[in-house]
Amino acid sequence: MQGDDNILTVTLDDSAAGLRLDRALAEALPDLSRERVKTLIKDGRVATASGKILRDPSAKATTPSTIEVRVPIASPARNIAQDMGLVIAFEDEHLIVIDKPAGMVVHPAAGNFDGTMVNALLHHCAGQLSGIGGVARPGIVHRIDKDTSGLIVAAKHDRAHEGLAKQFAAHSIDRRYVAIATGRPMPVGGTVDAALGRSNTNRKKMAVVAADRGKRAVTHYRMIEPLQHASVIECRLETGRTHQVRVHMAHIGHPLVGDPVYGRARKPLSEVLKARNFVRQALHAAHLGFIHPVTGNNVALDSELPADMQELIDELRV
């Protein structure tokens, strides 16, 4: 046991008789998920009032009894809280969904220690973010690339964080991206099921690799509208790997317009991009759907295309 903990005292009455210890404590502590309680037990952070440490989550709860649960205090974020005028698509006391602009980094890293979405969340949420992500990523459950715009969810407490993380792990989150890809895919819809891993030639890039070398990645795509030398594509993610849409679309011969890493447009499309100074991958996280991890309600959110993508589509319309 450690000193820098929040100590929660729980009294288990006869209603908990016969229950596993982790379930009994999770029901008595609604802000902690059962998985979180199980981890605390295994870490030796649960004890009886007399000081006996309880290490078996599956042991039957003793009733009546008084239990002490020591929850580690989240490391204080060293990141600077910054008021950056976030666009909020949804917010309650459990989580927040941000409509991120292109160009905003999600979390601090080398070369980007401020001006990130985390800096903005620290200001907006004022100490309410989940500590699971650690100092650099408080509340962050998933991420989207710096130059990809659109919807991203963050958790305000551990129970919400763990509930959302389970849905991402189970691939039950409904994530749909709108992209502008070069050319016209044939067929106009399909599925790319190709594992992704680090490129052998450039460790900063991802690549399609053999199944035993990478992680399975599945993208379902369909053409929404044909354009001049390009297409508007909807990509629905079954998995969520780094650069997944960008690599998969390049893999089938239709890299995203403006992608500086995985594709390069040819004339006359390249001339249109240059004239518009369009220098990012044309990718927008347009839809996010999930089961609220606390209320159990369905949450379905949509984000309009940003102006730079919409104006490019308008110019390229057939």
C-alpha atoms as a PDB file:
ATOM      1  CA  MET A   1       0.000   0.000   0.000  1.00  0.00           C
ATOM      2  CA  GLN A   2       1.109   3.537  -0.709  1.00  0.00           C
ATOM      3  CA  GLY A   3       0.522   6.794   1.078  1.00  0.00           C
ATOM      4  CA  ASP A   4      -0.516   8.962  -1.866  1.00  0.00           C
ATOM      5  CA  ASP A   5      -3.903   7.301  -2.365  1.00  0.00           C
ATOM      6  CA  ASN A   6      -7.547   8.190  -2.075  1.00  0.00           C
ATOM      7  CA  ILE A   7      -8.886   5.880   0.644  1.00  0.00           C
ATOM      8  CA  LEU A   8     -12.454   4.724   0.048  1.00  0.00           C
ATOM      9  CA  THR A   9     -14.212   2.959   2.925  1.00  0.00           C
ATOM     10  CA  VAL A  10     -16.918   0.487   1.941  1.00  0.00           C
ATOM     11  CA  THR A  11     -19.347  -1.329   4.216  1.00  0.00           C
ATOM     12  CA  LEU A  12     -20.594  -4.575   2.688  1.00  0.00           C
ATOM     13  CA  ASP A  13     -23.964  -5.639   4.102  1.00  0.00           C
ATOM     14  CA  ASP A  14     -25.995  -8.814   3.634  1.00  0.00           C
ATOM     15  CA  SER A  15     -27.004  -7.784   0.091  1.00  0.00           C
ATOM     16  CA  ALA A  16     -23.429  -8.546  -0.989  1.00  0.00           C
ATOM     17  CA  ALA A  17     -23.435 -12.056   0.493  1.00  0.00           C
ATOM     18  CA  GLY A  18     -22.319 -14.674  -2.025  1.00  0.00           C
ATOM     19  CA  LEU A  19     -20.957 -12.140  -4.509  1.00  0.00           C
ATOM     20  CA  ARG A  20     -17.389 -12.112  -5.751  1.00  0.00           C
ATOM     21  CA  LEU A  21     -15.323  -9.491  -3.980  1.00  0.00           C
ATOM     22  CA  ASP A  22     -14.664  -7.471  -7.159  1.00  0.00           C
ATOM     23  CA  ARG A  23     -18.364  -7.403  -8.049  1.00  0.00           C
ATOM     24  CA  ALA A  24     -19.449  -6.472  -4.515  1.00  0.00           C
ATOM     25  CA  LEU A  25     -16.992  -3.576  -4.384  1.00  0.00           C
ATOM     26  CA  ALA A  26     -17.837  -2.379  -7.915  1.00  0.00           C
ATOM     27  CA  GLU A  27     -21.518  -2.256  -7.003  1.00  0.00           C
ATOM     28  CA  ALA A  28     -20.701  -0.305  -3.850  1.00  0.00           C
ATOM     29  CA  LEU A  29     -18.382   2.082  -5.740  1.00  0.00           C
ATOM     30  CA  PRO A  30     -20.233   3.131  -8.917  1.00  0.00           C
ATOM     31  CA  ASP A  31     -17.418   5.452 -10.058  1.00  0.00           C
ATOM     32  CA  LEU A  32     -15.067   2.466 -10.382  1.00  0.00           C
ATOM     33  CA  SER A  33     -15.574  -0.222 -13.014  1.00  0.00           C
ATOM     34  CA  ARG A  34     -15.342  -3.870 -12.090  1.00  0.00           C
ATOM     35  CA  GLU A  35     -12.127  -4.201 -14.107  1.00  0.00           C
ATOM     36  CA  ARG A  36     -10.631  -1.252 -12.230  1.00  0.00           C
ATOM     37  CA  VAL A  37     -11.599  -2.817  -8.889  1.00  0.00           C
ATOM     38  CA  LYS A  38     -10.115  -6.148  -9.965  1.00  0.00           C
ATOM     39  CA  THR A  39      -6.811  -4.438 -10.771  1.00  0.00           C
ATOM     40  CA  LEU A  40      -6.773  -2.646  -7.422  1.00  0.00           C
ATOM     41  CA  ILE A  41      -7.327  -5.949  -5.612  1.00  0.00           C
ATOM     42  CA  LYS A  42      -4.521  -7.662  -7.512  1.00  0.00           C
ATOM     43  CA  ASP A  43      -2.233  -4.694  -6.774  1.00  0.00           C
ATOM     44  CA  GLY A  44      -2.753  -5.144  -3.035  1.00  0.00           C
ATOM     45  CA  ARG A  45      -4.769  -1.960  -2.624  1.00  0.00           C
ATOM     46  CA  VAL A  46      -7.810  -3.566  -0.961  1.00  0.00           C
ATOM     47  CA  ALA A  47      -7.808  -4.581   2.706  1.00  0.00           C
ATOM     48  CA  THR A  48     -10.071  -5.275   5.638  1.00  0.00           C
ATOM     49  CA  ALA A  49     -10.461  -2.716   8.415  1.00  0.00           C
ATOM     50  CA  SER A  50      -7.938  -4.742  10.447  1.00  0.00           C
ATOM     51  CA  GLY A  51      -5.338  -4.371   7.700  1.00  0.00           C
ATOM     52  CA  LYS A  52      -5.513  -7.794   6.056  1.00  0.00           C
ATOM     53  CA  ILE A  53      -4.794  -7.360   2.350  1.00  0.00           C
ATOM     54  CA  LEU A  54      -7.297  -9.050   0.022  1.00  0.00           C
ATOM     55  CA  ARG A  55      -5.664 -10.191  -3.213  1.00  0.00           C
ATOM     56  CA  ASP A  56      -8.214 -12.530  -4.798  1.00  0.00           C
ATOM     57  CA  PRO A  57     -10.911 -10.773  -6.872  1.00  0.00           C
ATOM     58  CA  SER A  58     -12.890 -13.997  -7.147  1.00  0.00           C
ATOM     59  CA  ALA A  59     -13.072 -14.651  -3.399  1.00  0.00           C
ATOM     60  CA  LYS A  60     -16.537 -14.455  -1.886  1.00  0.00           C
ATOM     61  CA  ALA A  61     -17.251 -11.207  -0.105  1.00  0.00           C
ATOM     62  CA  THR A  62     -17.480 -11.492   3.674  1.00  0.00           C
ATOM     63  CA  THR A  63     -20.570  -9.811   5.085  1.00  0.00           C
ATOM     64  CA  PRO A  64     -21.045  -7.730   7.024  1.00  0.00           C
ATOM     65  CA  SER A  65     -17.584  -6.208   6.736  1.00  0.00           C
ATOM     66  CA  THR A  66     -15.742  -2.936   6.273  1.00  0.00           C
ATOM     67  CA  ILE A  67     -13.268  -2.745   3.392  1.00  0.00           C
ATOM     68  CA  GLU A  68     -10.708  -0.067   2.560  1.00  0.00           C
ATOM     69  CA  VAL A  69      -9.935   0.547  -1.113  1.00  0.00           C
ATOM     70  CA  ARG A  70      -6.885   2.660  -1.924  1.00  0.00           C
ATOM     71  CA  VAL A  71      -7.139   4.337  -5.309  1.00  0.00           C
ATOM     72  CA  PRO A  72      -3.906   5.922  -6.598  1.00  0.00           C
ATOM     73  CA  ILE A  73      -4.182   9.638  -7.147  1.00  0.00           C
ATOM     74  CA  ALA A  74      -3.665  10.430 -10.835  1.00  0.00           C
ATOM     75  CA  SER A  75      -0.329  12.065 -11.538  1.00  0.00           C
ATOM     76  CA  PRO A  76      -0.846  15.796 -11.866  1.00  0.00           C
ATOM     77  CA  ALA A  77      -0.643  16.839 -15.481  1.00  0.00           C
ATOM     78  CA  ARG A  78       2.468  18.837 -16.238  1.00  0.00           C
ATOM     79  CA  ASN A  79       0.863  20.080 -19.402  1.00  0.00           C
ATOM     80  CA  ILE A  80      -0.279  23.672 -19.498  1.00  0.00           C
ATOM     81  CA  ALA A  81      -4.020  24.313 -19.500  1.00  0.00           C
ATOM     82  CA  GLN A  82      -4.827  26.553 -22.458  1.00  0.00           C
ATOM     83  CA  ASP A  83      -8.072  28.232 -23.479  1.00  0.00           C
ATOM     84  CA  MET A  84      -8.293  27.349 -27.156  1.00  0.00           C
ATOM     85  CA  GLY A  85     -11.996  27.601 -27.917  1.00  0.00           C
ATOM     86  CA  LEU A  86     -12.847  23.931 -28.420  1.00  0.00           C
ATOM     87  CA  VAL A  87     -15.799  22.996 -30.620  1.00  0.00           C
ATOM     88  CA  ILE A  88     -17.825  20.627 -28.441  1.00  0.00           C
ATOM     89  CA  ALA A  89     -20.134  18.115 -30.134  1.00  0.00           C
ATOM     90  CA  PHE A  90     -21.317  16.485 -26.885  1.00  0.00           C
ATOM     91  CA  GLU A  91     -20.563  16.816 -23.185  1.00  0.00           C
ATOM     92  CA  ASP A  92     -21.864  15.563 -19.869  1.00  0.00           C
ATOM     93  CA  GLU A  93     -20.306  14.821 -16.484  1.00  0.00           C
ATOM     94  CA  HIS A  94     -18.799  11.582 -17.800  1.00  0.00           C
ATOM     95  CA  LEU A  95     -17.251  12.359 -21.187  1.00  0.00           C
ATOM     96  CA  ILE A  96     -16.728  14.969 -23.867  1.00  0.00           C
ATOM     97  CA  VAL A  97     -16.633  14.740 -27.666  1.00  0.00           C
ATOM     98  CA  ILE A  98     -14.567  17.331 -29.498  1.00  0.00           C
ATOM     99  CA  ASP A  99     -14.882  18.326 -33.156  1.00  0.00           C
ATOM    100  CA  LYS A 100     -11.142  18.729 -33.768  1.00  0.00           C
ATOM    101  CA  PRO A 101      -9.860  21.041 -36.485  1.00  0.00           C
ATOM    102  CA  ALA A 102      -7.155  19.914 -38.874  1.00  0.00           C
ATOM    103  CA  GLY A 103      -3.732  20.988 -37.651  1.00  0.00           C
ATOM    104  CA  MET A 104      -4.397  20.386 -33.945  1.00  0.00           C
ATOM    105  CA  VAL A 105      -2.252  17.692 -32.318  1.00  0.00           C
ATOM    106  CA  VAL A 106      -4.227  15.444 -29.969  1.00  0.00           C
ATOM    107  CA  HIS A 107      -1.683  15.016 -27.166  1.00  0.00           C
ATOM    108  CA  PRO A 108       1.708  16.543 -26.314  1.00  0.00           C
ATOM    109  CA  ALA A 109       4.835  14.901 -27.708  1.00  0.00           C
ATOM    110  CA  ALA A 110       8.290  15.929 -28.811  1.00  0.00           C
ATOM    111  CA  GLY A 111       7.972  19.178 -30.743  1.00  0.00           C
ATOM    112  CA  ASN A 112       4.361  19.744 -29.649  1.00  0.00           C
ATOM    113  CA  PHE A 113       4.264  20.450 -25.926  1.00  0.00           C
ATOM    114  CA  ASP A 114       1.445  22.970 -26.094  1.00  0.00           C
ATOM    115  CA  GLY A 115      -1.372  23.963 -28.395  1.00  0.00           C
ATOM    116  CA  THR A 116      -2.684  20.392 -28.305  1.00  0.00           C
ATOM    117  CA  MET A 117      -6.183  19.115 -27.699  1.00  0.00           C
ATOM    118  CA  VAL A 118      -5.047  17.881 -24.277  1.00  0.00           C
ATOM    119  CA  ASN A 119      -3.944  21.406 -23.336  1.00  0.00           C
ATOM    120  CA  ALA A 120      -7.377  22.677 -24.346  1.00  0.00           C
ATOM    121  CA  LEU A 121      -9.173  19.886 -22.452  1.00  0.00           C
ATOM    122  CA  LEU A 122      -7.177  20.594 -19.290  1.00  0.00           C
ATOM    123  CA  HIS A 123      -8.520  24.146 -19.371  1.00  0.00           C
ATOM    124  CA  HIS A 124     -12.081  23.261 -20.311  1.00  0.00           C
ATOM    125  CA  CYS A 125     -12.508  20.285 -17.975  1.00  0.00           C
ATOM    126  CA  ALA A 126     -10.529  21.777 -15.076  1.00  0.00           C
ATOM    127  CA  GLY A 127      -9.217  18.612 -13.435  1.00  0.00           C
ATOM    128  CA  GLN A 128     -12.047  16.303 -14.465  1.00  0.00           C
ATOM    129  CA  LEU A 129     -10.151  14.138 -16.969  1.00  0.00           C
ATOM    130  CA  SER A 130      -9.542  10.441 -16.403  1.00  0.00           C
ATOM    131  CA  GLY A 131      -6.070   9.624 -15.104  1.00  0.00           C
ATOM    132  CA  ILE A 132      -5.797   6.342 -17.009  1.00  0.00           C
ATOM    133  CA  GLY A 133      -4.123   7.989 -19.984  1.00  0.00           C
ATOM    134  CA  GLY A 134      -1.285   9.196 -17.766  1.00  0.00           C
ATOM    135  CA  VAL A 135       0.271  12.631 -17.663  1.00  0.00           C
ATOM    136  CA  ALA A 136       0.585  13.021 -21.431  1.00  0.00           C
ATOM    137  CA  ARG A 137      -2.821  11.608 -22.382  1.00  0.00           C
ATOM    138  CA  PRO A 138      -5.344  12.334 -19.612  1.00  0.00           C
ATOM    139  CA  GLY A 139      -8.797  11.225 -20.691  1.00  0.00           C
ATOM    140  CA  ILE A 140      -7.739  10.281 -24.217  1.00  0.00           C
ATOM    141  CA  VAL A 141      -9.346   7.016 -25.329  1.00  0.00           C
ATOM    142  CA  HIS A 142      -8.348   7.113 -29.022  1.00  0.00           C
ATOM    143  CA  ARG A 143      -6.692   9.564 -31.371  1.00  0.00           C
ATOM    144  CA  ILE A 144      -6.827  10.972 -34.866  1.00  0.00           C
ATOM    145  CA  ASP A 145      -3.915  12.385 -36.828  1.00  0.00           C
ATOM    146  CA  LYS A 146      -2.870  16.006 -36.506  1.00  0.00           C
ATOM    147  CA  ASP A 147      -4.028  16.887 -40.016  1.00  0.00           C
ATOM    148  CA  THR A 148      -7.228  14.852 -39.866  1.00  0.00           C
ATOM    149  CA  SER A 149     -10.279  16.779 -38.687  1.00  0.00           C
ATOM    150  CA  GLY A 150     -13.368  15.562 -36.896  1.00  0.00           C
ATOM    151  CA  LEU A 151     -14.822  13.818 -33.868  1.00  0.00           C
ATOM    152  CA  ILE A 152     -12.797  12.446 -30.959  1.00  0.00           C
ATOM    153  CA  VAL A 153     -14.028  11.389 -27.497  1.00  0.00           C
ATOM    154  CA  ALA A 154     -12.291  11.869 -24.138  1.00  0.00           C
ATOM    155  CA  ALA A 155     -13.278  10.489 -20.727  1.00  0.00           C
ATOM    156  CA  LYS A 156     -13.708  12.518 -17.557  1.00  0.00           C
ATOM    157  CA  HIS A 157     -13.284   9.621 -15.126  1.00  0.00           C
ATOM    158  CA  ASP A 158     -11.873   6.100 -15.099  1.00  0.00           C
ATOM    159  CA  ARG A 159     -15.197   4.290 -15.327  1.00  0.00           C
ATOM    160  CA  ALA A 160     -16.086   6.127 -18.529  1.00  0.00           C
ATOM    161  CA  HIS A 161     -12.558   5.612 -19.869  1.00  0.00           C
ATOM    162  CA  GLU A 162     -12.633   1.864 -19.295  1.00  0.00           C
ATOM    163  CA  GLY A 163     -16.151   1.520 -20.695  1.00  0.00           C
ATOM    164  CA  LEU A 164     -15.213   3.307 -23.911  1.00  0.00           C
ATOM    165  CA  ALA A 165     -11.913   1.420 -24.183  1.00  0.00           C
ATOM    166  CA  LYS A 166     -13.792  -1.886 -24.048  1.00  0.00           C
ATOM    167  CA  GLN A 167     -15.988  -0.786 -26.952  1.00  0.00           C
ATOM    168  CA  PHE A 168     -12.964   0.252 -29.007  1.00  0.00           C
ATOM    169  CA  ALA A 169     -11.302  -3.096 -28.233  1.00  0.00           C
ATOM    170  CA  ALA A 170     -14.466  -4.952 -29.262  1.00  0.00           C
ATOM    171  CA  HIS A 171     -14.652  -2.905 -32.504  1.00  0.00           C
ATOM    172  CA  SER A 172     -18.222  -1.899 -31.649  1.00  0.00           C
ATOM    173  CA  ILE A 173     -17.643   1.855 -32.006  1.00  0.00           C
ATOM    174  CA  ASP A 174     -19.256   3.223 -35.189  1.00  0.00           C
ATOM    175  CA  ARG A 175     -16.543   5.354 -36.806  1.00  0.00           C
ATOM    176  CA  ARG A 176     -17.067   6.698 -40.295  1.00  0.00           C
ATOM    177  CA  TYR A 177     -14.636   8.939 -42.115  1.00  0.00           C
ATOM    178  CA  VAL A 178     -15.233  10.994 -45.235  1.00  0.00           C
ATOM    179  CA  ALA A 179     -12.204  11.209 -47.505  1.00  0.00           C
ATOM    180  CA  ILE A 180     -11.324  12.585 -50.925  1.00  0.00           C
ATOM    181  CA  ALA A 181      -9.306   9.917 -52.722  1.00  0.00           C
ATOM    182  CA  THR A 182      -7.498  10.129 -56.034  1.00  0.00           C
ATOM    183  CA  GLY A 183      -9.156   8.373 -58.977  1.00  0.00           C
ATOM    184  CA  ARG A 184     -12.259   6.198 -58.806  1.00  0.00           C
ATOM    185  CA  PRO A 185     -12.128   2.885 -56.983  1.00  0.00           C
ATOM    186  CA  MET A 186     -13.364  -0.173 -58.850  1.00  0.00           C
ATOM    187  CA  PRO A 187     -15.444  -1.697 -57.495  1.00  0.00           C
ATOM    188  CA  VAL A 188     -17.031   1.396 -55.980  1.00  0.00           C
ATOM    189  CA  GLY A 189     -17.339  -0.309 -52.617  1.00  0.00           C
ATOM    190  CA  GLY A 190     -15.612  -3.072 -50.744  1.00  0.00           C
ATOM    191  CA  THR A 191     -13.521  -4.118 -47.790  1.00  0.00           C
ATOM    192  CA  VAL A 192      -9.779  -3.864 -47.278  1.00  0.00           C
ATOM    193  CA  ASP A 193      -8.626  -6.514 -44.816  1.00  0.00           C
ATOM    194  CA  ALA A 194      -4.863  -6.065 -44.615  1.00  0.00           C
ATOM    195  CA  ALA A 195      -2.569  -6.086 -41.578  1.00  0.00           C
ATOM    196  CA  LEU A 196      -0.618  -2.938 -40.780  1.00  0.00           C
ATOM    197  CA  GLY A 197       2.835  -2.528 -39.260  1.00  0.00           C
ATOM    198  CA  ARG A 198       5.854  -0.266 -39.398  1.00  0.00           C
ATOM    199  CA  SER A 199       7.402   0.183 -42.821  1.00  0.00           C
ATOM    200  CA  ASN A 200      10.734  -1.585 -43.329  1.00  0.00           C
ATOM    201  CA  THR A 201      12.118   1.427 -45.185  1.00  0.00           C
ATOM    202  CA  ASN A 202      10.764   4.277 -43.048  1.00  0.00           C
ATOM    203  CA  ARG A 203       9.915   3.692 -39.389  1.00  0.00           C
ATOM    204  CA  LYS A 204       7.740   6.832 -39.334  1.00  0.00           C
ATOM    205  CA  LYS A 205       5.417   5.282 -41.896  1.00  0.00           C
ATOM    206  CA  MET A 206       2.934   2.441 -41.638  1.00  0.00           C
ATOM    207  CA  ALA A 207       2.596  -0.192 -44.334  1.00  0.00           C
ATOM    208  CA  VAL A 208       0.580  -3.242 -45.296  1.00  0.00           C
ATOM    209  CA  VAL A 209       2.542  -6.214 -43.972  1.00  0.00           C
ATOM    210  CA  ALA A 210       2.162  -9.972 -43.587  1.00  0.00           C
ATOM    211  CA  ALA A 211      -0.458 -10.984 -41.048  1.00  0.00           C
ATOM    212  CA  ASP A 212       2.134 -12.381 -38.655  1.00  0.00           C
ATOM    213  CA  ARG A 213       4.118  -9.119 -38.718  1.00  0.00           C
ATOM    214  CA  GLY A 214       1.388  -6.612 -38.005  1.00  0.00           C
ATOM    215  CA  LYS A 215      -2.048  -6.029 -36.544  1.00  0.00           C
ATOM    216  CA  ARG A 216      -5.207  -6.914 -38.403  1.00  0.00           C
ATOM    217  CA  ALA A 217      -6.834  -3.855 -39.924  1.00  0.00           C
ATOM    218  CA  VAL A 218     -10.221  -3.755 -41.664  1.00  0.00           C
ATOM    219  CA  THR A 219     -11.693  -0.808 -43.561  1.00  0.00           C
ATOM    220  CA  HIS A 220     -15.069  -0.873 -45.337  1.00  0.00           C
ATOM    221  CA  TYR A 221     -15.286   1.760 -48.071  1.00  0.00           C
ATOM    222  CA  ARG A 222     -17.844   3.041 -50.555  1.00  0.00           C
ATOM    223  CA  MET A 223     -17.796   5.824 -53.102  1.00  0.00           C
ATOM    224  CA  ILE A 224     -20.237   8.602 -52.271  1.00  0.00           C
ATOM    225  CA  GLU A 225     -19.630  10.848 -55.276  1.00  0.00           C
ATOM    226  CA  PRO A 226     -17.332  10.789 -58.327  1.00  0.00           C
ATOM    227  CA  LEU A 227     -15.259  13.932 -58.904  1.00  0.00           C
ATOM    228  CA  GLN A 228     -12.822  15.082 -61.551  1.00  0.00           C
ATOM    229  CA  HIS A 229      -9.761  12.830 -61.087  1.00  0.00           C
ATOM    230  CA  ALA A 230     -10.955  11.990 -57.561  1.00  0.00           C
ATOM    231  CA  SER A 231     -13.823  10.582 -55.498  1.00  0.00           C
ATOM    232  CA  VAL A 232     -15.580  11.291 -52.240  1.00  0.00           C
ATOM    233  CA  ILE A 233     -15.298   8.102 -50.197  1.00  0.00           C
ATOM    234  CA  GLU A 234     -16.868   6.984 -46.928  1.00  0.00           C
ATOM    235  CA  CYS A 235     -14.626   4.693 -44.877  1.00  0.00           C
ATOM    236  CA  ARG A 236     -16.075   2.759 -41.956  1.00  0.00           C
ATOM    237  CA  LEU A 237     -13.478   1.453 -39.567  1.00  0.00           C
ATOM    238  CA  GLU A 238     -13.857  -2.015 -38.131  1.00  0.00           C
ATOM    239  CA  THR A 239     -10.466  -1.619 -36.455  1.00  0.00           C
ATOM    240  CA  GLY A 240      -8.568   1.544 -35.551  1.00  0.00           C
ATOM    241  CA  ARG A 241      -4.889   1.296 -36.460  1.00  0.00           C
ATOM    242  CA  THR A 242      -2.444   4.155 -36.946  1.00  0.00           C
ATOM    243  CA  HIS A 243      -2.957   5.773 -40.382  1.00  0.00           C
ATOM    244  CA  GLN A 244      -5.379   2.957 -41.282  1.00  0.00           C
ATOM    245  CA  VAL A 245      -7.562   4.780 -43.829  1.00  0.00           C
ATOM    246  CA  ARG A 246      -4.576   6.484 -45.433  1.00  0.00           C
ATOM    247  CA  VAL A 247      -2.572   3.282 -45.853  1.00  0.00           C
ATOM    248  CA  HIS A 248      -5.499   1.115 -46.942  1.00  0.00           C
ATOM    249  CA  MET A 249      -6.670   3.567 -49.596  1.00  0.00           C
ATOM    250  CA  ALA A 250      -3.106   3.902 -50.922  1.00  0.00           C
ATOM    251  CA  HIS A 251      -2.850   0.098 -50.897  1.00  0.00           C
ATOM    252  CA  ILE A 252      -5.794  -0.244 -53.308  1.00  0.00           C
ATOM    253  CA  GLY A 253      -4.323   2.424 -55.584  1.00  0.00           C
ATOM    254  CA  HIS A 254      -6.353   5.437 -54.430  1.00  0.00           C
ATOM    255  CA  PRO A 255      -4.324   7.454 -51.908  1.00  0.00           C
ATOM    256  CA  LEU A 256      -6.004  10.374 -50.211  1.00  0.00           C
ATOM    257  CA  VAL A 257      -5.816  13.720 -51.916  1.00  0.00           C
ATOM    258  CA  GLY A 258      -3.210  15.949 -50.280  1.00  0.00           C
ATOM    259  CA  ASP A 259      -1.584  13.117 -48.281  1.00  0.00           C
ATOM    260  CA  PRO A 260       2.092  14.129 -47.987  1.00  0.00           C
ATOM    261  CA  VAL A 261       3.192  10.669 -46.801  1.00  0.00           C
ATOM    262  CA  TYR A 262       1.254   7.986 -48.637  1.00  0.00           C
ATOM    263  CA  GLY A 263       0.346   9.571 -51.950  1.00  0.00           C
ATOM    264  CA  ARG A 264       1.022  12.298 -54.468  1.00  0.00           C
ATOM    265  CA  ALA A 265      -1.561  13.716 -56.855  1.00  0.00           C
ATOM    266  CA  ARG A 266      -0.750  14.073 -60.532  1.00  0.00           C
ATOM    267  CA  LYS A 267      -1.668  16.895 -62.866  1.00  0.00           C
ATOM    268  CA  PRO A 268      -4.202  18.414 -63.247  1.00  0.00           C
ATOM    269  CA  LEU A 269      -5.318  17.503 -59.708  1.00  0.00           C
ATOM    270  CA  SER A 270      -1.989  18.548 -58.223  1.00  0.00           C
ATOM    271  CA  GLU A 271      -2.376  22.000 -59.775  1.00  0.00           C
ATOM    272  CA  VAL A 272      -5.783  22.450 -58.126  1.00  0.00           C
ATOM    273  CA  LEU A 273      -4.309  21.495 -54.746  1.00  0.00           C
ATOM    274  CA  LYS A 274      -1.387  23.893 -55.211  1.00  0.00           C
ATOM    275  CA  ALA A 275      -3.679  26.766 -56.165  1.00  0.00           C
ATOM    276  CA  ARG A 276      -5.778  26.119 -53.061  1.00  0.00           C
ATOM    277  CA  ASN A 277      -2.737  25.526 -50.841  1.00  0.00           C
ATOM    278  CA  PHE A 278      -4.371  22.244 -49.806  1.00  0.00           C
ATOM    279  CA  VAL A 279      -1.496  20.493 -48.034  1.00  0.00           C
ATOM    280  CA  ARG A 280      -3.142  17.948 -45.731  1.00  0.00           C
ATOM    281  CA  GLN A 281      -4.724  14.545 -46.236  1.00  0.00           C
ATOM    282  CA  ALA A 282      -8.362  15.059 -47.157  1.00  0.00           C
ATOM    283  CA  LEU A 283      -9.752  13.047 -44.269  1.00  0.00           C
ATOM    284  CA  HIS A 284     -12.504  13.915 -41.799  1.00  0.00           C
ATOM    285  CA  ALA A 285     -13.879  11.870 -38.867  1.00  0.00           C
ATOM    286  CA  ALA A 286     -17.501  12.569 -39.757  1.00  0.00           C
ATOM    287  CA  HIS A 287     -19.473  10.164 -37.553  1.00  0.00           C
ATOM    288  CA  LEU A 288     -18.969   8.694 -34.094  1.00  0.00           C
ATOM    289  CA  GLY A 289     -21.428   6.300 -32.495  1.00  0.00           C
ATOM    290  CA  PHE A 290     -21.153   4.374 -29.240  1.00  0.00           C
ATOM    291  CA  ILE A 291     -23.039   3.190 -26.181  1.00  0.00           C
ATOM    292  CA  HIS A 292     -22.645   5.677 -23.362  1.00  0.00           C
ATOM    293  CA  PRO A 293     -20.428   3.840 -20.829  1.00  0.00           C
ATOM    294  CA  VAL A 294     -22.414   5.094 -17.819  1.00  0.00           C
ATOM    295  CA  THR A 295     -26.005   5.752 -18.912  1.00  0.00           C
ATOM    296  CA  GLY A 296     -26.233   2.975 -21.503  1.00  0.00           C
ATOM    297  CA  ASN A 297     -27.823   5.359 -24.025  1.00  0.00           C
ATOM    298  CA  ASN A 298     -26.923   5.323 -27.705  1.00  0.00           C
ATOM    299  CA  VAL A 299     -24.794   8.306 -28.692  1.00  0.00           C
ATOM    300  CA  ALA A 300     -24.568   9.114 -32.412  1.00  0.00           C
ATOM    301  CA  LEU A 301     -22.817  12.290 -33.528  1.00  0.00           C
ATOM    302  CA  ASP A 302     -22.111  13.791 -36.942  1.00  0.00           C
ATOM    303  CA  SER A 303     -19.701  16.501 -37.986  1.00  0.00           C
ATOM    304  CA  GLU A 304     -20.009  18.592 -41.140  1.00  0.00           C
ATOM    305  CA  LEU A 305     -17.108  18.619 -43.556  1.00  0.00           C
ATOM    306  CA  PRO A 306     -14.673  21.449 -42.846  1.00  0.00           C
ATOM    307  CA  ALA A 307     -14.606  24.323 -45.323  1.00  0.00           C
ATOM    308  CA  ASP A 308     -11.320  23.347 -47.002  1.00  0.00           C
ATOM    309  CA  MET A 309     -12.609  19.877 -47.940  1.00  0.00           C
ATOM    310  CA  GLN A 310     -16.069  21.078 -48.941  1.00  0.00           C
ATOM    311  CA  GLU A 311     -14.651  23.822 -51.166  1.00  0.00           C
ATOM    312  CA  LEU A 312     -12.264  21.348 -52.812  1.00  0.00           C
ATOM    313  CA  ILE A 313     -15.163  18.974 -53.506  1.00  0.00           C
ATOM    314  CA  ASP A 314     -17.194  21.824 -54.997  1.00  0.00           C
ATOM    315  CA  GLU A 315     -14.351  22.716 -57.367  1.00  0.00           C
ATOM    316  CA  LEU A 316     -13.783  19.117 -58.431  1.00  0.00           C
ATOM    317  CA  ARG A 317     -17.447  18.258 -59.063  1.00  0.00           C
ATOM    318  CA  VAL A 318     -18.047  16.681 -62.459  1.00  0.00           C
END
